[in-house]
PDB file of N, CA and C in Angstrom:
ATOM      1  N   MET A   1      64.065 139.490 126.621  1.00  0.00           N
ATOM      2  CA  MET A   1      64.708 139.099 125.365  1.00  0.00           C
ATOM      3  C   MET A   1      66.112 138.642 125.720  1.00  0.00           C
ATOM      4  N   THR A   2      66.456 137.476 125.069  1.00  0.00           N
ATOM      5  CA  THR A   2      67.775 136.865 125.338  1.00  0.00           C
ATOM      6  C   THR A   2      68.584 136.946 124.009  1.00  0.00           C
ATOM      7  N   THR A   3      69.854 137.373 124.134  1.00  0.00           N
ATOM      8  CA  THR A   3      70.666 137.498 122.972  1.00  0.00           C
ATOM      9  C   THR A   3      71.818 136.404 123.127  1.00  0.00           C
ATOM     10  N   TRP A   4      72.002 135.645 122.084  1.00  0.00           N
ATOM     11  CA  TRP A   4      73.001 134.579 122.081  1.00  0.00           C
ATOM     12  C   TRP A   4      74.148 134.999 121.128  1.00  0.00           C
ATOM     13  N   CYS A   5      75.384 134.736 121.589  1.00  0.00           N
ATOM     14  CA  CYS A   5      76.461 135.055 120.794  1.00  0.00           C
ATOM     15  C   CYS A   5      77.357 133.782 120.730  1.00  0.00           C
ATOM     16  N   TYR A   6      77.581 133.402 119.524  1.00  0.00           N
ATOM     17  CA  TYR A   6      78.379 132.166 119.281  1.00  0.00           C
ATOM     18  C   TYR A   6      79.707 132.571 118.610  1.00  0.00           C
ATOM     19  N   SER A   7      80.800 131.930 119.126  1.00  0.00           N
ATOM     20  CA  SER A   7      82.066 132.111 118.493  1.00  0.00           C
ATOM     21  C   SER A   7      82.466 130.845 117.760  1.00  0.00           C
ATOM     22  N   VAL A   8      82.653 130.924 116.527  1.00  0.00           N
ATOM     23  CA  VAL A   8      82.959 129.804 115.673  1.00  0.00           C
ATOM     24  C   VAL A   8      84.404 130.045 115.041  1.00  0.00           C
ATOM     25  N   THR A   9      85.225 129.030 115.198  1.00  0.00           N
ATOM     26  CA  THR A   9      86.590 129.035 114.631  1.00  0.00           C
ATOM     27  C   THR A   9      86.591 128.165 113.448  1.00  0.00           C
ATOM     28  N   ILE A  10      86.921 128.637 112.327  1.00  0.00           N
ATOM     29  CA  ILE A  10      87.035 127.857 111.119  1.00  0.00           C
ATOM     30  C   ILE A  10      88.454 127.660 110.691  1.00  0.00           C
ATOM     31  N   THR A  11      88.891 126.518 110.574  1.00  0.00           N
ATOM     32  CA  THR A  11      90.217 126.232 110.135  1.00  0.00           C
ATOM     33  C   THR A  11      90.159 125.748 108.660  1.00  0.00           C
ATOM     34  N   VAL A  12      90.988 126.389 107.838  1.00  0.00           N
ATOM     35  CA  VAL A  12      90.922 126.025 106.455  1.00  0.00           C
ATOM     36  C   VAL A  12      92.353 125.525 106.130  1.00  0.00           C
ATOM     37  N   GLU A  13      92.408 124.353 105.566  1.00  0.00           N
ATOM     38  CA  GLU A  13      93.717 123.798 105.164  1.00  0.00           C
ATOM     39  C   GLU A  13      93.824 123.857 103.673  1.00  0.00           C
ATOM     40  N   VAL A  14      94.857 124.506 103.184  1.00  0.00           N
ATOM     41  CA  VAL A  14      95.051 124.737 101.818  1.00  0.00           C
ATOM     42  C   VAL A  14      96.064 123.614 101.398  1.00  0.00           C
ATOM     43  N   MET A  15      95.715 122.701 100.487  1.00  0.00           N
ATOM     44  CA  MET A  15      96.564 121.737  99.984  1.00  0.00           C
ATOM     45  C   MET A  15      97.108 122.105  98.672  1.00  0.00           C
ATOM     46  N   ALA A  16      98.356 121.886  98.483  1.00  0.00           N
ATOM     47  CA  ALA A  16      99.016 122.141  97.185  1.00  0.00           C
ATOM     48  C   ALA A  16      98.423 121.252  96.079  1.00  0.00           C
ATOM     49  N   VAL A  17      98.030 121.784  95.022  1.00  0.00           N
ATOM     50  CA  VAL A  17      97.511 121.033  93.941  1.00  0.00           C
ATOM     51  C   VAL A  17      98.632 120.759  92.944  1.00  0.00           C
ATOM     52  N   THR A  18      98.997 119.552  92.731  1.00  0.00           N
ATOM     53  CA  THR A  18     100.043 119.246  91.798  1.00  0.00           C
ATOM     54  C   THR A  18      99.454 118.680  90.564  1.00  0.00           C
ATOM     55  N   LYS A  19     100.104 118.997  89.438  1.00  0.00           N
ATOM     56  CA  LYS A  19      99.624 118.425  88.162  1.00  0.00           C
ATOM     57  C   LYS A  19     100.300 117.102  87.971  1.00  0.00           C
ATOM     58  N   LYS A  20      99.538 116.154  87.700  1.00  0.00           N
ATOM     59  CA  LYS A  20     100.070 114.736  87.539  1.00  0.00           C
ATOM     60  C   LYS A  20      99.683 114.310  86.108  1.00  0.00           C
ATOM     61  N   ALA A  21     100.601 113.620  85.503  1.00  0.00           N
ATOM     62  CA  ALA A  21     100.300 112.979  84.190  1.00  0.00           C
ATOM     63  C   ALA A  21      99.422 111.777  84.378  1.00  0.00           C
ATOM     64  N   ARG A  22      98.512 111.573  83.499  1.00  0.00           N
ATOM     65  CA  ARG A  22      97.566 110.540  83.628  1.00  0.00           C
ATOM     66  C   ARG A  22      97.784 109.456  82.546  1.00  0.00           C
ATOM     67  N   LEU A  23      97.670 108.213  82.973  1.00  0.00           N
ATOM     68  CA  LEU A  23      97.870 107.118  81.990  1.00  0.00           C
ATOM     69  C   LEU A  23      96.737 106.110  82.222  1.00  0.00           C
ATOM     70  N   GLY A  24      96.027 105.811  81.130  1.00  0.00           N
ATOM     71  CA  GLY A  24      95.023 104.764  81.225  1.00  0.00           C
ATOM     72  C   GLY A  24      95.628 103.466  81.010  1.00  0.00           C
ATOM     73  N   LEU A  25      95.268 102.479  81.886  1.00  0.00           N
ATOM     74  CA  LEU A  25      95.818 101.157  81.861  1.00  0.00           C
ATOM     75  C   LEU A  25      94.752 100.120  81.759  1.00  0.00           C
ATOM     76  N   TYR A  26      94.764  99.361  80.593  1.00  0.00           N
ATOM     77  CA  TYR A  26      93.731  98.390  80.430  1.00  0.00           C
ATOM     78  C   TYR A  26      94.431  97.046  80.484  1.00  0.00           C
ATOM     79  N   LEU A  27      93.883  96.207  81.370  1.00  0.00           N
ATOM     80  CA  LEU A  27      94.502  94.869  81.632  1.00  0.00           C
ATOM     81  C   LEU A  27      93.759  93.774  80.874  1.00  0.00           C
ATOM     82  N   GLU A  28      94.510  92.681  80.662  1.00  0.00           N
ATOM     83  CA  GLU A  28      93.972  91.594  79.907  1.00  0.00           C
ATOM     84  C   GLU A  28      92.862  90.939  80.574  1.00  0.00           C
ATOM     85  N   ASP A  29      92.845  90.745  81.900  1.00  0.00           N
ATOM     86  CA  ASP A  29      91.790  90.138  82.590  1.00  0.00           C
ATOM     87  C   ASP A  29      91.775  90.572  84.061  1.00  0.00           C
ATOM     88  N   GLU A  30      90.654  90.208  84.680  1.00  0.00           N
ATOM     89  CA  GLU A  30      90.404  90.622  86.082  1.00  0.00           C
ATOM     90  C   GLU A  30      91.446  90.012  87.008  1.00  0.00           C
ATOM     91  N   ARG A  31      91.921  88.834  86.754  1.00  0.00           N
ATOM     92  CA  ARG A  31      92.863  88.159  87.593  1.00  0.00           C
ATOM     93  C   ARG A  31      94.192  88.991  87.805  1.00  0.00           C
ATOM     94  N   ILE A  32      94.595  89.633  86.766  1.00  0.00           N
ATOM     95  CA  ILE A  32      95.839  90.457  86.856  1.00  0.00           C
ATOM     96  C   ILE A  32      95.532  91.672  87.734  1.00  0.00           C
ATOM     97  N   ARG A  33      94.351  92.310  87.581  1.00  0.00           N
ATOM     98  CA  ARG A  33      93.968  93.431  88.454  1.00  0.00           C
ATOM     99  C   ARG A  33      94.003  92.979  89.987  1.00  0.00           C
ATOM    100  N   ARG A  34      93.431  91.847  90.228  1.00  0.00           N
ATOM    101  CA  ARG A  34      93.409  91.356  91.610  1.00  0.00           C
ATOM    102  C   ARG A  34      94.803  91.088  92.147  1.00  0.00           C
ATOM    103  N   GLN A  35      95.661  90.567  91.348  1.00  0.00           N
ATOM    104  CA  GLN A  35      96.999  90.332  91.720  1.00  0.00           C
ATOM    105  C   GLN A  35      97.725  91.688  92.049  1.00  0.00           C
ATOM    106  N   ILE A  36      97.528  92.679  91.287  1.00  0.00           N
ATOM    107  CA  ILE A  36      98.123  93.981  91.487  1.00  0.00           C
ATOM    108  C   ILE A  36      97.572  94.554  92.805  1.00  0.00           C
ATOM    109  N   LYS A  37      96.238  94.450  93.087  1.00  0.00           N
ATOM    110  CA  LYS A  37      95.720  95.025  94.288  1.00  0.00           C
ATOM    111  C   LYS A  37      96.228  94.303  95.488  1.00  0.00           C
ATOM    112  N   VAL A  38      96.378  92.960  95.434  1.00  0.00           N
ATOM    113  CA  VAL A  38      96.972  92.211  96.544  1.00  0.00           C
ATOM    114  C   VAL A  38      98.433  92.613  96.831  1.00  0.00           C
ATOM    115  N   ALA A  39      99.197  92.608  95.692  1.00  0.00           N
ATOM    116  CA  ALA A  39     100.624  93.037  95.876  1.00  0.00           C
ATOM    117  C   ALA A  39     100.742  94.430  96.437  1.00  0.00           C
ATOM    118  N   ALA A  40      99.943  95.342  96.023  1.00  0.00           N
ATOM    119  CA  ALA A  40      99.987  96.722  96.539  1.00  0.00           C
ATOM    120  C   ALA A  40      99.594  96.717  98.013  1.00  0.00           C
ATOM    121  N   ALA A  41      98.573  96.013  98.338  1.00  0.00           N
ATOM    122  CA  ALA A  41      98.074  95.909  99.696  1.00  0.00           C
ATOM    123  C   ALA A  41      99.161  95.384 100.681  1.00  0.00           C
ATOM    124  N   LYS A  42      99.882  94.372 100.180  1.00  0.00           N
ATOM    125  CA  LYS A  42     100.972  93.772 100.980  1.00  0.00           C
ATOM    126  C   LYS A  42     102.021  94.861 101.338  1.00  0.00           C
ATOM    127  N   ARG A  43     102.251  95.765 100.415  1.00  0.00           N
ATOM    128  CA  ARG A  43     103.253  96.819 100.601  1.00  0.00           C
ATOM    129  C   ARG A  43     102.664  98.073 101.250  1.00  0.00           C
ATOM    130  N   GLY A  44     101.378  98.174 101.432  1.00  0.00           N
ATOM    131  CA  GLY A  44     100.730  99.240 102.095  1.00  0.00           C
ATOM    132  C   GLY A  44     100.563 100.465 101.191  1.00  0.00           C
ATOM    133  N   ILE A  45     100.500 100.259  99.848  1.00  0.00           N
ATOM    134  CA  ILE A  45     100.386 101.367  98.951  1.00  0.00           C
ATOM    135  C   ILE A  45      99.196 101.138  98.012  1.00  0.00           C
ATOM    136  N   SER A  46      98.819 102.176  97.294  1.00  0.00           N
ATOM    137  CA  SER A  46      97.718 101.981  96.374  1.00  0.00           C
ATOM    138  C   SER A  46      98.093 101.305  95.145  1.00  0.00           C
ATOM    139  N   SER A  47      97.086 100.734  94.397  1.00  0.00           N
ATOM    140  CA  SER A  47      97.428 100.024  93.186  1.00  0.00           C
ATOM    141  C   SER A  47      98.047 100.977  92.166  1.00  0.00           C
ATOM    142  N   THR A  48      97.678 102.227  92.162  1.00  0.00           N
ATOM    143  CA  THR A  48      98.233 103.172  91.223  1.00  0.00           C
ATOM    144  C   THR A  48      99.748 103.411  91.591  1.00  0.00           C
ATOM    145  N   ALA A  49     100.023 103.544  92.805  1.00  0.00           N
ATOM    146  CA  ALA A  49     101.444 103.762  93.258  1.00  0.00           C
ATOM    147  C   ALA A  49     102.241 102.525  92.880  1.00  0.00           C
ATOM    148  N   TYR A  50     101.622 101.336  93.091  1.00  0.00           N
ATOM    149  CA  TYR A  50     102.347 100.043  92.832  1.00  0.00           C
ATOM    150  C   TYR A  50     102.678  99.970  91.332  1.00  0.00           C
ATOM    151  N   CYS A  51     101.701 100.293  90.488  1.00  0.00           N
ATOM    152  CA  CYS A  51     101.922 100.242  89.001  1.00  0.00           C
ATOM    153  C   CYS A  51     102.929 101.294  88.550  1.00  0.00           C
ATOM    154  N   ALA A  52     102.842 102.468  89.098  1.00  0.00           N
ATOM    155  CA  ALA A  52     103.807 103.549  88.747  1.00  0.00           C
ATOM    156  C   ALA A  52     105.250 103.103  89.115  1.00  0.00           C
ATOM    157  N   GLN A  53     105.457 102.529  90.322  1.00  0.00           N
ATOM    158  CA  GLN A  53     106.693 102.075  90.703  1.00  0.00           C
ATOM    159  C   GLN A  53     107.227 100.914  89.813  1.00  0.00           C
ATOM    160  N   ALA A  54     106.338  99.970  89.441  1.00  0.00           N
ATOM    161  CA  ALA A  54     106.752  98.873  88.581  1.00  0.00           C
ATOM    162  C   ALA A  54     107.217  99.441  87.244  1.00  0.00           C
ATOM    163  N   ILE A  55     106.441 100.403  86.730  1.00  0.00           N
ATOM    164  CA  ILE A  55     106.750 100.955  85.404  1.00  0.00           C
ATOM    165  C   ILE A  55     108.115 101.660  85.471  1.00  0.00           C
ATOM    166  N   LYS A  56     108.320 102.398  86.461  1.00  0.00           N
ATOM    167  CA  LYS A  56     109.586 103.165  86.658  1.00  0.00           C
ATOM    168  C   LYS A  56     110.801 102.182  86.726  1.00  0.00           C
ATOM    169  N   GLU A  57     110.642 101.118  87.516  1.00  0.00           N
ATOM    170  CA  GLU A  57     111.693 100.109  87.626  1.00  0.00           C
ATOM    171  C   GLU A  57     111.979  99.451  86.308  1.00  0.00           C
ATOM    172  N   ARG A  58     110.915  99.192  85.469  1.00  0.00           N
ATOM    173  CA  ARG A  58     111.115  98.528  84.195  1.00  0.00           C
ATOM    174  C   ARG A  58     111.801  99.525  83.193  1.00  0.00           C
ATOM    175  N   LEU A  59     111.493 100.805  83.245  1.00  0.00           N
ATOM    176  CA  LEU A  59     112.163 101.790  82.383  1.00  0.00           C
ATOM    177  C   LEU A  59     113.614 101.859  82.739  1.00  0.00           C
ATOM    178  N   VAL A  60     113.977 101.861  84.001  1.00  0.00           N
ATOM    179  CA  VAL A  60     115.385 101.830  84.335  1.00  0.00           C
ATOM    180  C   VAL A  60     116.108 100.596  83.853  1.00  0.00           C
ATOM    181  N   ARG A  61     115.475  99.432  84.053  1.00  0.00           N
ATOM    182  CA  ARG A  61     116.061  98.166  83.591  1.00  0.00           C
ATOM    183  C   ARG A  61     116.216  98.099  82.134  1.00  0.00           C
ATOM    184  N   ASP A  62     115.232  98.641  81.348  1.00  0.00           N
ATOM    185  CA  ASP A  62     115.333  98.710  79.904  1.00  0.00           C
ATOM    186  C   ASP A  62     116.275  99.759  79.368  1.00  0.00           C
ATOM    187  N   GLY A  63     116.831 100.611  80.216  1.00  0.00           N
ATOM    188  CA  GLY A  63     117.760 101.619  79.853  1.00  0.00           C
ATOM    189  C   GLY A  63     117.045 102.866  79.215  1.00  0.00           C
ATOM    190  N   GLU A  64     115.758 103.009  79.476  1.00  0.00           N
ATOM    191  CA  GLU A  64     115.083 104.159  78.940  1.00  0.00           C
ATOM    192  C   GLU A  64     115.173 105.383  79.819  1.00  0.00           C
ATOM    193  N   THR A  65     115.465 105.138  81.057  1.00  0.00           N
ATOM    194  CA  THR A  65     115.743 106.264  81.997  1.00  0.00           C
ATOM    195  C   THR A  65     116.639 105.803  83.091  1.00  0.00           C
ATOM    196  N   ALA A  66     117.230 106.703  83.802  1.00  0.00           N
ATOM    197  CA  ALA A  66     118.163 106.406  84.852  1.00  0.00           C
ATOM    198  C   ALA A  66     117.482 106.622  86.204  1.00  0.00           C
ATOM    199  N   ASP A  67     117.755 105.748  87.156  1.00  0.00           N
ATOM    200  CA  ASP A  67     117.268 106.030  88.551  1.00  0.00           C
ATOM    201  C   ASP A  67     118.165 107.162  89.104  1.00  0.00           C
ATOM    202  N   LYS A  68     117.531 108.105  89.776  1.00  0.00           N
ATOM    203  CA  LYS A  68     118.224 109.299  90.257  1.00  0.00           C
ATOM    204  C   LYS A  68     119.470 108.921  91.100  1.00  0.00           C
ATOM    205  N   ALA A  69     119.325 107.900  91.949  1.00  0.00           N
ATOM    206  CA  ALA A  69     120.460 107.529  92.835  1.00  0.00           C
ATOM    207  C   ALA A  69     121.686 107.011  91.996  1.00  0.00           C
ATOM    208  N   ASP A  70     121.433 106.336  90.954  1.00  0.00           N
ATOM    209  CA  ASP A  70     122.517 105.735  90.105  1.00  0.00           C
ATOM    210  C   ASP A  70     122.984 106.680  89.033  1.00  0.00           C
ATOM    211  N   GLY A  71     122.195 107.650  88.678  1.00  0.00           N
ATOM    212  CA  GLY A  71     122.531 108.530  87.596  1.00  0.00           C
ATOM    213  C   GLY A  71     122.562 107.752  86.264  1.00  0.00           C
ATOM    214  N   ASN A  72     123.188 108.276  85.311  1.00  0.00           N
ATOM    215  CA  ASN A  72     123.278 107.647  84.009  1.00  0.00           C
ATOM    216  C   ASN A  72     124.292 106.485  83.886  1.00  0.00           C
ATOM    217  N   LYS A  73     125.063 106.342  84.922  1.00  0.00           N
ATOM    218  CA  LYS A  73     126.131 105.306  84.856  1.00  0.00           C
ATOM    219  C   LYS A  73     125.593 103.929  84.627  1.00  0.00           C
ATOM    220  N   LYS A  74     124.548 103.563  85.417  1.00  0.00           N
ATOM    221  CA  LYS A  74     123.992 102.186  85.290  1.00  0.00           C
ATOM    222  C   LYS A  74     123.357 101.982  83.958  1.00  0.00           C
ATOM    223  N   VAL A  75     122.756 102.988  83.379  1.00  0.00           N
ATOM    224  CA  VAL A  75     122.182 102.822  82.017  1.00  0.00           C
ATOM    225  C   VAL A  75     123.260 102.706  80.997  1.00  0.00           C
ATOM    226  N   LEU A  76     124.260 103.522  81.082  1.00  0.00           N
ATOM    227  CA  LEU A  76     125.340 103.470  80.072  1.00  0.00           C
ATOM    228  C   LEU A  76     126.183 102.172  80.194  1.00  0.00           C
ATOM    229  N   LEU A  77     126.388 101.732  81.418  1.00  0.00           N
ATOM    230  CA  LEU A  77     127.136 100.478  81.558  1.00  0.00           C
ATOM    231  C   LEU A  77     126.359  99.244  81.072  1.00  0.00           C
ATOM    232  N   GLY A  78     125.036  99.337  81.186  1.00  0.00           N
ATOM    233  CA  GLY A  78     124.174  98.267  80.684  1.00  0.00           C
ATOM    234  C   GLY A  78     124.185  98.273  79.119  1.00  0.00           C
ATOM    235  N   ARG A  79     124.172  99.477  78.567  1.00  0.00           N
ATOM    236  CA  ARG A  79     124.223  99.505  77.092  1.00  0.00           C
ATOM    237  C   ARG A  79     125.578  99.008  76.563  1.00  0.00           C
ATOM    238  N   MET A  80     126.671  99.364  77.345  1.00  0.00           N
ATOM    239  CA  MET A  80     127.997  98.898  76.870  1.00  0.00           C
ATOM    240  C   MET A  80     128.092  97.380  76.977  1.00  0.00           C
ATOM    241  N   ASP A  81     127.541  96.806  78.056  1.00  0.00           N
ATOM    242  CA  ASP A  81     127.539  95.310  78.136  1.00  0.00           C
ATOM    243  C   ASP A  81     126.774  94.701  77.035  1.00  0.00           C
ATOM    244  N   SER A  82     125.677  95.298  76.688  1.00  0.00           N
ATOM    245  CA  SER A  82     124.877  94.795  75.583  1.00  0.00           C
ATOM    246  C   SER A  82     125.612  94.806  74.288  1.00  0.00           C
ATOM    247  N   LEU A  83     126.270  95.895  74.011  1.00  0.00           N
ATOM    248  CA  LEU A  83     127.093  96.008  72.777  1.00  0.00           C
ATOM    249  C   LEU A  83     128.161  94.994  72.798  1.00  0.00           C
ATOM    250  N   ARG A  84     128.863  94.762  73.965  1.00  0.00           N
ATOM    251  CA  ARG A  84     129.938  93.768  73.985  1.00  0.00           C
ATOM    252  C   ARG A  84     129.435  92.398  73.701  1.00  0.00           C
ATOM    253  N   ARG A  85     128.262  92.034  74.159  1.00  0.00           N
ATOM    254  CA  ARG A  85     127.724  90.738  73.925  1.00  0.00           C
ATOM    255  C   ARG A  85     127.437  90.544  72.408  1.00  0.00           C
ATOM    256  N   ARG A  86     126.920  91.671  71.753  1.00  0.00           N
ATOM    257  CA  ARG A  86     126.623  91.563  70.343  1.00  0.00           C
ATOM    258  C   ARG A  86     127.854  91.603  69.456  1.00  0.00           C
ATOM    259  N   ILE A  87     128.843  92.373  69.768  1.00  0.00           N
ATOM    260  CA  ILE A  87     130.004  92.507  68.962  1.00  0.00           C
ATOM    261  C   ILE A  87     130.960  91.362  69.210  1.00  0.00           C
ATOM    262  N   GLY A  88     131.103  90.979  70.482  1.00  0.00           N
ATOM    263  CA  GLY A  88     132.079  89.949  70.774  1.00  0.00           C
ATOM    264  C   GLY A  88     133.528  90.476  70.991  1.00  0.00           C
ATOM    265  N   HIS A  89     134.432  89.625  71.143  1.00  0.00           N
ATOM    266  CA  HIS A  89     135.798  89.995  71.415  1.00  0.00           C
ATOM    267  C   HIS A  89     136.332  90.753  70.149  1.00  0.00           C
ATOM    268  N   VAL A  90     137.028  91.871  70.406  1.00  0.00           N
ATOM    269  CA  VAL A  90     137.518  92.672  69.257  1.00  0.00           C
ATOM    270  C   VAL A  90     139.020  92.499  69.181  1.00  0.00           C
ATOM    271  N   GLY A  91     139.707  91.878  70.071  1.00  0.00           N
ATOM    272  CA  GLY A  91     141.152  91.625  69.974  1.00  0.00           C
ATOM    273  C   GLY A  91     141.994  92.804  70.431  1.00  0.00           C
ATOM    274  N   VAL A  92     141.396  93.827  71.047  1.00  0.00           N
ATOM    275  CA  VAL A  92     142.130  94.940  71.496  1.00  0.00           C
ATOM    276  C   VAL A  92     141.740  95.215  72.958  1.00  0.00           C
ATOM    277  N   SER A  93     142.690  95.544  73.751  1.00  0.00           N
ATOM    278  CA  SER A  93     142.360  95.801  75.246  1.00  0.00           C
ATOM    279  C   SER A  93     141.523  97.040  75.318  1.00  0.00           C
ATOM    280  N   ALA A  94     140.727  97.059  76.443  1.00  0.00           N
ATOM    281  CA  ALA A  94     139.864  98.192  76.694  1.00  0.00           C
ATOM    282  C   ALA A  94     140.744  99.554  76.846  1.00  0.00           C
ATOM    283  N   ALA A  95     141.863  99.307  77.536  1.00  0.00           N
ATOM    284  CA  ALA A  95     142.828 100.516  77.730  1.00  0.00           C
ATOM    285  C   ALA A  95     143.262 101.057  76.410  1.00  0.00           C
ATOM    286  N   GLU A  96     143.611 100.242  75.448  1.00  0.00           N
ATOM    287  CA  GLU A  96     143.987 100.771  74.120  1.00  0.00           C
ATOM    288  C   GLU A  96     142.869 101.396  73.427  1.00  0.00           C
ATOM    289  N   LEU A  97     141.657 100.929  73.504  1.00  0.00           N
ATOM    290  CA  LEU A  97     140.450 101.524  72.875  1.00  0.00           C
ATOM    291  C   LEU A  97     140.228 102.893  73.448  1.00  0.00           C
ATOM    292  N   ILE A  98     140.385 102.978  74.744  1.00  0.00           N
ATOM    293  CA  ILE A  98     140.189 104.263  75.469  1.00  0.00           C
ATOM    294  C   ILE A  98     141.184 105.272  74.962  1.00  0.00           C
ATOM    295  N   LYS A  99     142.482 104.881  74.972  1.00  0.00           N
ATOM    296  CA  LYS A  99     143.531 105.762  74.491  1.00  0.00           C
ATOM    297  C   LYS A  99     143.294 106.243  73.115  1.00  0.00           C
ATOM    298  N   GLU A 100     142.856 105.398  72.250  1.00  0.00           N
ATOM    299  CA  GLU A 100     142.563 105.773  70.858  1.00  0.00           C
ATOM    300  C   GLU A 100     141.388 106.717  70.735  1.00  0.00           C
ATOM    301  N   GLY A 101     140.401 106.447  71.591  1.00  0.00           N
ATOM    302  CA  GLY A 101     139.222 107.310  71.603  1.00  0.00           C
ATOM    303  C   GLY A 101     139.539 108.717  72.084  1.00  0.00           C
ATOM    304  N   ARG A 102     140.520 108.824  73.001  1.00  0.00           N
ATOM    305  CA  ARG A 102     140.905 110.117  73.465  1.00  0.00           C
ATOM    306  C   ARG A 102     141.718 110.875  72.466  1.00  0.00           C
ATOM    307  N   ARG A 103     142.496 110.152  71.658  1.00  0.00           N
ATOM    308  CA  ARG A 103     143.306 110.776  70.615  1.00  0.00           C
ATOM    309  C   ARG A 103     142.416 111.395  69.544  1.00  0.00           C
ATOM    310  N   ARG A 104     141.311 110.791  69.260  1.00  0.00           N
ATOM    311  CA  ARG A 104     140.409 111.332  68.218  1.00  0.00           C
ATOM    312  C   ARG A 104     139.723 112.471  68.707  1.00  0.00           C
TER     313      ARG A 104
END
């Protein structure tokens, strides 16, 4: 009678499960989807990552959120510039406006 003994080593990798928000994206036509896939492939990322990056960049540009590196400064300055364009020249220097604002 022969007895066999096997030694088996099992390695288990535990991956952290992160909760991610999900967004369904419906495109107008197949051509746009192909363009996204090509653009993502050129950058070596998934189409999901490409779309997420594009959306984040657009949110920053539209002033809906701030890029962490720039903080809120870029968003606030963009809003101020937009207000200046709409209001136009007010006839008072910025320094005077700041002084008055501090007095209030």
